Amino acid sequence: MRAAEEALEDAADAAIYDERKADLRAERALPADVTMDILRGSSRLKALRNWRRLTQADLAAMIGVSQGFLSDLGSNHRKLSA
């Protein structure tokens, strides 16, 4: 009985692994430059903004927020709500 339960648990684990692996294939990876910037300590927002060669003012104007708000997001002083 125990062996059957373990086999079912292993099968469930394998199914979860396969599902997660398929999800990763569907996602687009971040460009290497962005990843390196994040590893060096930049926020994801700042790394992506730098990669796109946008200033805070440029991006803020594009998305309709103040430059100060964007700065707070980039420095993790402010979080977005769900």
Protein backbone atom coordinates (compact mmCIF):
# COMPACT_ATOMS: atom_id res chain seq x y z
CA MET A 1 0.00 0.00 0.00
CA ARG A 2 2.83 2.38 0.95
CA ALA A 3 4.65 1.73 -2.34
CA ALA A 4 1.49 2.53 -4.30
CA GLU A 5 1.04 5.81 -2.41
CA GLU A 6 4.67 6.77 -3.09
CA ALA A 7 4.27 5.93 -6.77
CA LEU A 8 1.19 8.17 -6.98
CA GLU A 9 3.05 10.97 -5.21
CA ASP A 10 6.02 10.59 -7.58
CA ALA A 11 3.70 10.71 -10.58
CA ALA A 12 2.07 13.88 -9.26
CA ASP A 13 5.49 15.46 -8.69
CA ALA A 14 6.55 14.56 -12.22
CA ALA A 15 3.37 16.09 -13.63
CA ILE A 16 4.01 19.33 -11.71
CA TYR A 17 7.61 19.39 -12.98
CA ASP A 18 6.47 18.86 -16.58
CA GLU A 19 3.88 21.62 -16.23
CA ARG A 20 6.42 24.11 -14.84
CA LYS A 21 8.92 23.21 -17.55
CA ALA A 22 6.28 23.83 -20.23
CA ASP A 23 5.46 27.19 -18.60
CA LEU A 24 9.11 28.20 -18.80
CA ARG A 25 9.21 27.42 -22.51
CA ALA A 26 6.22 29.70 -23.04
CA GLU A 27 7.84 32.63 -21.20
CA ARG A 28 10.29 34.90 -22.91
CA ALA A 29 13.59 35.17 -21.09
CA LEU A 30 14.95 38.56 -20.15
CA PRO A 31 17.78 39.81 -22.36
CA ALA A 32 21.24 39.10 -20.96
CA ASP A 33 21.98 42.82 -20.46
CA VAL A 34 18.86 43.17 -18.31
CA THR A 35 19.69 40.11 -16.26
CA MET A 36 23.24 41.34 -15.64
CA ASP A 37 21.94 44.77 -14.57
CA ILE A 38 19.56 43.09 -12.10
CA LEU A 39 22.36 40.89 -10.75
CA ARG A 40 24.44 44.03 -10.21
CA GLY A 41 21.69 45.41 -7.97
CA SER A 42 19.35 47.40 -10.21
CA SER A 43 15.62 46.93 -9.88
CA ARG A 44 13.90 45.13 -12.72
CA LEU A 45 12.19 48.38 -13.68
CA LYS A 46 15.47 50.30 -13.86
CA ALA A 47 17.21 47.48 -15.75
CA LEU A 48 14.45 47.32 -18.36
CA ARG A 49 14.30 51.11 -18.64
CA ASN A 50 18.07 51.29 -19.16
CA TRP A 51 17.93 48.48 -21.73
CA ARG A 52 15.31 50.43 -23.67
CA ARG A 53 17.49 53.54 -23.31
CA LEU A 54 14.70 55.52 -21.66
CA THR A 55 15.13 58.17 -19.00
CA GLN A 56 12.78 58.21 -16.04
CA ALA A 57 11.15 61.32 -17.50
CA ASP A 58 10.64 59.64 -20.89
CA LEU A 59 9.07 56.52 -19.40
CA ALA A 60 6.97 58.51 -16.93
CA ALA A 61 5.53 60.59 -19.78
CA MET A 62 4.83 57.45 -21.83
CA ILE A 63 2.85 55.74 -19.06
CA GLY A 64 1.25 58.82 -17.53
CA VAL A 65 2.87 59.00 -14.10
CA SER A 66 5.20 61.51 -12.51
CA GLN A 67 8.95 61.08 -12.73
CA GLY A 68 9.11 61.07 -8.92
CA PHE A 69 6.62 58.19 -8.70
CA LEU A 70 8.65 56.22 -11.23
CA SER A 71 11.82 56.98 -9.27
CA ASP A 72 10.19 55.63 -6.10
CA LEU A 73 9.20 52.44 -7.92
CA GLY A 74 12.67 51.98 -9.37
CA SER A 75 14.34 52.40 -5.99
CA ASN A 76 11.79 50.16 -4.24
CA HIS A 77 10.58 53.01 -2.02
CA ARG A 78 7.05 52.46 -3.32
CA LYS A 79 5.22 49.29 -4.34
CA LEU A 80 2.35 48.94 -6.75
CA SER A 81 -0.87 47.48 -5.44
CA ALA A 82 -2.44 44.49 -7.09
